[in-house]
Amino acid sequence: MSHPWTKTAPPRASPPGYQAAFSGGSEPLLVDVLRDPIIHRLMARDGIEMTAMLALIRMTQGRIQ
């Protein structure tokens, strides 16, 4: 049985000259992401403090090293 929310629309064509944010195999540095004002607004909206985010990042780095 199919549900309407599981159907996907076909992808739209990108406008000429458009380049995806992470195309070319590169990603922004984490420090750059965390400096982005939009990220600050999203975190504030979600009730996430920067100190908590940095603590989580340090803990995760410790686990994967």
PDB file of N, CA and C in Angstrom:
ATOM      1  N   MET A   1       0.837  -1.179   0.000  1.00  0.00           N
ATOM      2  CA  MET A   1       0.000   0.000   0.000  1.00  0.00           C
ATOM      3  C   MET A   1       0.886   1.248   0.000  1.00  0.00           C
ATOM      4  N   SER A   2       0.588   2.173  -0.860  1.00  0.00           N
ATOM      5  CA  SER A   2       1.385   3.388  -0.989  1.00  0.00           C
ATOM      6  C   SER A   2       0.734   4.534  -0.220  1.00  0.00           C
ATOM      7  N   HIS A   3       1.559   5.322   0.431  1.00  0.00           N
ATOM      8  CA  HIS A   3       1.073   6.490   1.158  1.00  0.00           C
ATOM      9  C   HIS A   3       1.515   7.746   0.422  1.00  0.00           C
ATOM     10  N   PRO A   4       0.693   8.802   0.450  1.00  0.00           N
ATOM     11  CA  PRO A   4       1.064  10.016  -0.291  1.00  0.00           C
ATOM     12  C   PRO A   4       2.361  10.654   0.180  1.00  0.00           C
ATOM     13  N   TRP A   5       2.712  10.515   1.453  1.00  0.00           N
ATOM     14  CA  TRP A   5       3.930  11.167   1.940  1.00  0.00           C
ATOM     15  C   TRP A   5       5.194  10.379   1.617  1.00  0.00           C
ATOM     16  N   THR A   6       5.040   9.184   1.054  1.00  0.00           N
ATOM     17  CA  THR A   6       6.221   8.408   0.670  1.00  0.00           C
ATOM     18  C   THR A   6       6.564   8.579  -0.804  1.00  0.00           C
ATOM     19  N   LYS A   7       5.713   9.244  -1.545  1.00  0.00           N
ATOM     20  CA  LYS A   7       5.986   9.457  -2.962  1.00  0.00           C
ATOM     21  C   LYS A   7       6.967  10.613  -3.107  1.00  0.00           C
ATOM     22  N   THR A   8       7.877  10.470  -4.033  1.00  0.00           N
ATOM     23  CA  THR A   8       8.845  11.540  -4.261  1.00  0.00           C
ATOM     24  C   THR A   8       8.624  12.153  -5.633  1.00  0.00           C
ATOM     25  N   ALA A   9       8.871  13.420  -5.713  1.00  0.00           N
ATOM     26  CA  ALA A   9       8.770  14.120  -6.989  1.00  0.00           C
ATOM     27  C   ALA A   9      10.072  13.924  -7.751  1.00  0.00           C
ATOM     28  N   PRO A  10       9.999  13.949  -9.069  1.00  0.00           N
ATOM     29  CA  PRO A  10      11.248  13.840  -9.836  1.00  0.00           C
ATOM     30  C   PRO A  10      12.131  15.049  -9.546  1.00  0.00           C
ATOM     31  N   PRO A  11      13.446  14.879  -9.604  1.00  0.00           N
ATOM     32  CA  PRO A  11      14.343  16.008  -9.319  1.00  0.00           C
ATOM     33  C   PRO A  11      14.167  17.122 -10.344  1.00  0.00           C
ATOM     34  N   ARG A  12      14.290  18.346  -9.865  1.00  0.00           N
ATOM     35  CA  ARG A  12      14.206  19.499 -10.761  1.00  0.00           C
ATOM     36  C   ARG A  12      15.583  19.774 -11.353  1.00  0.00           C
ATOM     37  N   ALA A  13      15.579  20.284 -12.548  1.00  0.00           N
ATOM     38  CA  ALA A  13      16.844  20.650 -13.192  1.00  0.00           C
ATOM     39  C   ALA A  13      17.413  21.886 -12.503  1.00  0.00           C
ATOM     40  N   SER A  14      18.712  21.912 -12.327  1.00  0.00           N
ATOM     41  CA  SER A  14      19.375  23.070 -11.724  1.00  0.00           C
ATOM     42  C   SER A  14      19.485  24.186 -12.745  1.00  0.00           C
ATOM     43  N   PRO A  15      19.401  25.431 -12.291  1.00  0.00           N
ATOM     44  CA  PRO A  15      19.568  26.539 -13.234  1.00  0.00           C
ATOM     45  C   PRO A  15      20.989  26.568 -13.783  1.00  0.00           C
ATOM     46  N   PRO A  16      21.172  27.146 -14.955  1.00  0.00           N
ATOM     47  CA  PRO A  16      22.518  27.224 -15.531  1.00  0.00           C
ATOM     48  C   PRO A  16      23.489  27.925 -14.579  1.00  0.00           C
ATOM     49  N   GLY A  17      24.670  27.382 -14.440  1.00  0.00           N
ATOM     50  CA  GLY A  17      25.696  27.967 -13.594  1.00  0.00           C
ATOM     51  C   GLY A  17      25.582  27.613 -12.127  1.00  0.00           C
ATOM     52  N   TYR A  18      24.556  26.856 -11.758  1.00  0.00           N
ATOM     53  CA  TYR A  18      24.365  26.482 -10.354  1.00  0.00           C
ATOM     54  C   TYR A  18      25.412  25.464  -9.929  1.00  0.00           C
ATOM     55  N   GLN A  19      25.962  25.644  -8.740  1.00  0.00           N
ATOM     56  CA  GLN A  19      26.911  24.679  -8.188  1.00  0.00           C
ATOM     57  C   GLN A  19      26.463  24.340  -6.772  1.00  0.00           C
ATOM     58  N   ALA A  20      26.288  23.063  -6.498  1.00  0.00           N
ATOM     59  CA  ALA A  20      25.849  22.627  -5.177  1.00  0.00           C
ATOM     60  C   ALA A  20      26.896  23.003  -4.136  1.00  0.00           C
ATOM     61  N   ALA A  21      26.441  23.201  -2.910  1.00  0.00           N
ATOM     62  CA  ALA A  21      27.327  23.648  -1.834  1.00  0.00           C
ATOM     63  C   ALA A  21      28.497  22.701  -1.601  1.00  0.00           C
ATOM     64  N   PHE A  22      28.267  21.401  -1.712  1.00  0.00           N
ATOM     65  CA  PHE A  22      29.317  20.438  -1.417  1.00  0.00           C
ATOM     66  C   PHE A  22      29.770  19.686  -2.665  1.00  0.00           C
ATOM     67  N   SER A  23      29.639  20.297  -3.816  1.00  0.00           N
ATOM     68  CA  SER A  23      30.083  19.618  -5.028  1.00  0.00           C
ATOM     69  C   SER A  23      31.600  19.669  -5.112  1.00  0.00           C
ATOM     70  N   GLY A  24      32.161  18.791  -5.847  1.00  0.00           N
ATOM     71  CA  GLY A  24      33.607  18.774  -6.001  1.00  0.00           C
ATOM     72  C   GLY A  24      34.327  18.053  -4.887  1.00  0.00           C
ATOM     73  N   GLY A  25      33.576  17.351  -4.038  1.00  0.00           N
ATOM     74  CA  GLY A  25      34.186  16.545  -2.993  1.00  0.00           C
ATOM     75  C   GLY A  25      34.702  17.330  -1.805  1.00  0.00           C
ATOM     76  N   SER A  26      34.351  18.602  -1.696  1.00  0.00           N
ATOM     77  CA  SER A  26      34.840  19.374  -0.555  1.00  0.00           C
ATOM     78  C   SER A  26      33.687  19.720   0.379  1.00  0.00           C
ATOM     79  N   GLU A  27      33.995  19.836   1.640  1.00  0.00           N
ATOM     80  CA  GLU A  27      33.021  20.229   2.649  1.00  0.00           C
ATOM     81  C   GLU A  27      33.615  21.379   3.446  1.00  0.00           C
ATOM     82  N   PRO A  28      32.757  22.211   4.032  1.00  0.00           N
ATOM     83  CA  PRO A  28      33.297  23.293   4.855  1.00  0.00           C
ATOM     84  C   PRO A  28      33.933  22.731   6.118  1.00  0.00           C
ATOM     85  N   LEU A  29      34.893  23.453   6.657  1.00  0.00           N
ATOM     86  CA  LEU A  29      35.490  23.057   7.928  1.00  0.00           C
ATOM     87  C   LEU A  29      34.454  23.234   9.032  1.00  0.00           C
ATOM     88  N   LEU A  30      34.525  22.392  10.049  1.00  0.00           N
ATOM     89  CA  LEU A  30      33.584  22.469  11.159  1.00  0.00           C
ATOM     90  C   LEU A  30      33.622  23.841  11.816  1.00  0.00           C
ATOM     91  N   VAL A  31      34.800  24.406  11.957  1.00  0.00           N
ATOM     92  CA  VAL A  31      34.923  25.726  12.577  1.00  0.00           C
ATOM     93  C   VAL A  31      34.163  26.772  11.765  1.00  0.00           C
ATOM     94  N   ASP A  32      34.175  26.641  10.436  1.00  0.00           N
ATOM     95  CA  ASP A  32      33.439  27.579   9.587  1.00  0.00           C
ATOM     96  C   ASP A  32      31.932  27.386   9.726  1.00  0.00           C
ATOM     97  N   VAL A  33      31.500  26.152   9.823  1.00  0.00           N
ATOM     98  CA  VAL A  33      30.072  25.873  10.017  1.00  0.00           C
ATOM     99  C   VAL A  33      29.605  26.472  11.337  1.00  0.00           C
ATOM    100  N   LEU A  34      30.394  26.287  12.386  1.00  0.00           N
ATOM    101  CA  LEU A  34      29.996  26.770  13.706  1.00  0.00           C
ATOM    102  C   LEU A  34      30.059  28.292  13.825  1.00  0.00           C
ATOM    103  N   ARG A  35      30.742  28.953  12.918  1.00  0.00           N
ATOM    104  CA  ARG A  35      30.784  30.424  12.903  1.00  0.00           C
ATOM    105  C   ARG A  35      29.629  31.028  12.107  1.00  0.00           C
ATOM    106  N   ASP A  36      28.927  30.220  11.361  1.00  0.00           N
ATOM    107  CA  ASP A  36      27.859  30.701  10.485  1.00  0.00           C
ATOM    108  C   ASP A  36      26.684  31.236  11.309  1.00  0.00           C
ATOM    109  N   PRO A  37      26.259  32.478  11.073  1.00  0.00           N
ATOM    110  CA  PRO A  37      25.142  33.049  11.833  1.00  0.00           C
ATOM    111  C   PRO A  37      23.844  32.257  11.693  1.00  0.00           C
ATOM    112  N   ILE A  38      23.641  31.625  10.558  1.00  0.00           N
ATOM    113  CA  ILE A  38      22.430  30.814  10.379  1.00  0.00           C
ATOM    114  C   ILE A  38      22.461  29.626  11.328  1.00  0.00           C
ATOM    115  N   ILE A  39      23.622  29.012  11.484  1.00  0.00           N
ATOM    116  CA  ILE A  39      23.761  27.895  12.423  1.00  0.00           C
ATOM    117  C   ILE A  39      23.469  28.377  13.839  1.00  0.00           C
ATOM    118  N   HIS A  40      23.936  29.565  14.179  1.00  0.00           N
ATOM    119  CA  HIS A  40      23.669  30.129  15.511  1.00  0.00           C
ATOM    120  C   HIS A  40      22.170  30.299  15.733  1.00  0.00           C
ATOM    121  N   ARG A  41      21.466  30.781  14.724  1.00  0.00           N
ATOM    122  CA  ARG A  41      20.014  30.960  14.843  1.00  0.00           C
ATOM    123  C   ARG A  41      19.297  29.621  14.973  1.00  0.00           C
ATOM    124  N   LEU A  42      19.710  28.642  14.182  1.00  0.00           N
ATOM    125  CA  LEU A  42      19.086  27.319  14.265  1.00  0.00           C
ATOM    126  C   LEU A  42      19.319  26.693  15.636  1.00  0.00           C
ATOM    127  N   MET A  43      20.537  26.811  16.140  1.00  0.00           N
ATOM    128  CA  MET A  43      20.846  26.258  17.454  1.00  0.00           C
ATOM    129  C   MET A  43      20.035  26.958  18.539  1.00  0.00           C
ATOM    130  N   ALA A  44      19.914  28.281  18.451  1.00  0.00           N
ATOM    131  CA  ALA A  44      19.125  29.030  19.437  1.00  0.00           C
ATOM    132  C   ALA A  44      17.664  28.607  19.381  1.00  0.00           C
ATOM    133  N   ARG A  45      17.145  28.446  18.183  1.00  0.00           N
ATOM    134  CA  ARG A  45      15.757  28.012  18.031  1.00  0.00           C
ATOM    135  C   ARG A  45      15.531  26.648  18.654  1.00  0.00           C
ATOM    136  N   ASP A  46      16.528  25.776  18.511  1.00  0.00           N
ATOM    137  CA  ASP A  46      16.416  24.415  19.033  1.00  0.00           C
ATOM    138  C   ASP A  46      16.860  24.297  20.485  1.00  0.00           C
ATOM    139  N   GLY A  47      17.292  25.407  21.073  1.00  0.00           N
ATOM    140  CA  GLY A  47      17.691  25.390  22.479  1.00  0.00           C
ATOM    141  C   GLY A  47      19.033  24.727  22.731  1.00  0.00           C
ATOM    142  N   ILE A  48      19.919  24.777  21.737  1.00  0.00           N
ATOM    143  CA  ILE A  48      21.244  24.165  21.869  1.00  0.00           C
ATOM    144  C   ILE A  48      22.268  25.261  22.119  1.00  0.00           C
ATOM    145  N   GLU A  49      22.985  25.157  23.221  1.00  0.00           N
ATOM    146  CA  GLU A  49      24.016  26.141  23.542  1.00  0.00           C
ATOM    147  C   GLU A  49      25.338  25.730  22.899  1.00  0.00           C
ATOM    148  N   MET A  50      26.109  26.729  22.494  1.00  0.00           N
ATOM    149  CA  MET A  50      27.388  26.453  21.838  1.00  0.00           C
ATOM    150  C   MET A  50      28.313  25.650  22.747  1.00  0.00           C
ATOM    151  N   THR A  51      28.310  25.938  24.036  1.00  0.00           N
ATOM    152  CA  THR A  51      29.184  25.188  24.950  1.00  0.00           C
ATOM    153  C   THR A  51      28.817  23.710  24.955  1.00  0.00           C
ATOM    154  N   ALA A  52      27.530  23.401  24.890  1.00  0.00           N
ATOM    155  CA  ALA A  52      27.090  22.002  24.845  1.00  0.00           C
ATOM    156  C   ALA A  52      27.500  21.353  23.525  1.00  0.00           C
ATOM    157  N   MET A  53      27.378  22.100  22.429  1.00  0.00           N
ATOM    158  CA  MET A  53      27.767  21.566  21.121  1.00  0.00           C
ATOM    159  C   MET A  53      29.265  21.285  21.087  1.00  0.00           C
ATOM    160  N   LEU A  54      30.065  22.213  21.597  1.00  0.00           N
ATOM    161  CA  LEU A  54      31.518  22.018  21.603  1.00  0.00           C
ATOM    162  C   LEU A  54      31.918  20.849  22.496  1.00  0.00           C
ATOM    163  N   ALA A  55      31.234  20.675  23.620  1.00  0.00           N
ATOM    164  CA  ALA A  55      31.514  19.536  24.502  1.00  0.00           C
ATOM    165  C   ALA A  55      31.192  18.226  23.791  1.00  0.00           C
ATOM    166  N   LEU A  56      30.078  18.188  23.073  1.00  0.00           N
ATOM    167  CA  LEU A  56      29.710  16.983  22.322  1.00  0.00           C
ATOM    168  C   LEU A  56      30.738  16.689  21.235  1.00  0.00           C
ATOM    169  N   ILE A  57      31.201  17.719  20.554  1.00  0.00           N
ATOM    170  CA  ILE A  57      32.208  17.536  19.506  1.00  0.00           C
ATOM    171  C   ILE A  57      33.501  16.987  20.099  1.00  0.00           C
ATOM    172  N   ARG A  58      33.955  17.565  21.214  1.00  0.00           N
ATOM    173  CA  ARG A  58      35.188  17.073  21.856  1.00  0.00           C
ATOM    174  C   ARG A  58      35.033  15.619  22.296  1.00  0.00           C
ATOM    175  N   MET A  59      33.889  15.280  22.876  1.00  0.00           N
ATOM    176  CA  MET A  59      33.652  13.911  23.323  1.00  0.00           C
ATOM    177  C   MET A  59      33.677  12.947  22.129  1.00  0.00           C
ATOM    178  N   THR A  60      33.038  13.350  21.040  1.00  0.00           N
ATOM    179  CA  THR A  60      32.999  12.503  19.848  1.00  0.00           C
ATOM    180  C   THR A  60      34.386  12.364  19.238  1.00  0.00           C
ATOM    181  N   GLN A  61      35.146  13.448  19.185  1.00  0.00           N
ATOM    182  CA  GLN A  61      36.511  13.379  18.665  1.00  0.00           C
ATOM    183  C   GLN A  61      37.351  12.409  19.487  1.00  0.00           C
ATOM    184  N   GLY A  62      37.183  12.439  20.796  1.00  0.00           N
ATOM    185  CA  GLY A  62      37.924  11.530  21.669  1.00  0.00           C
ATOM    186  C   GLY A  62      37.595  10.075  21.408  1.00  0.00           C
ATOM    187  N   ARG A  63      36.353   9.810  21.053  1.00  0.00           N
ATOM    188  CA  ARG A  63      35.935   8.425  20.795  1.00  0.00           C
ATOM    189  C   ARG A  63      36.449   7.892  19.469  1.00  0.00           C
ATOM    190  N   ILE A  64      36.605   8.761  18.485  1.00  0.00           N
ATOM    191  CA  ILE A  64      37.004   8.268  17.160  1.00  0.00           C
ATOM    192  C   ILE A  64      38.510   8.309  16.935  1.00  0.00           C
ATOM    193  N   GLN A  65      39.251   8.869  17.876  1.00  0.00           N
ATOM    194  CA  GLN A  65      40.709   8.924  17.705  1.00  0.00           C
ATOM    195  C   GLN A  65      41.363   7.719  18.314  1.00  0.00           C
TER     196      GLN A  65
END
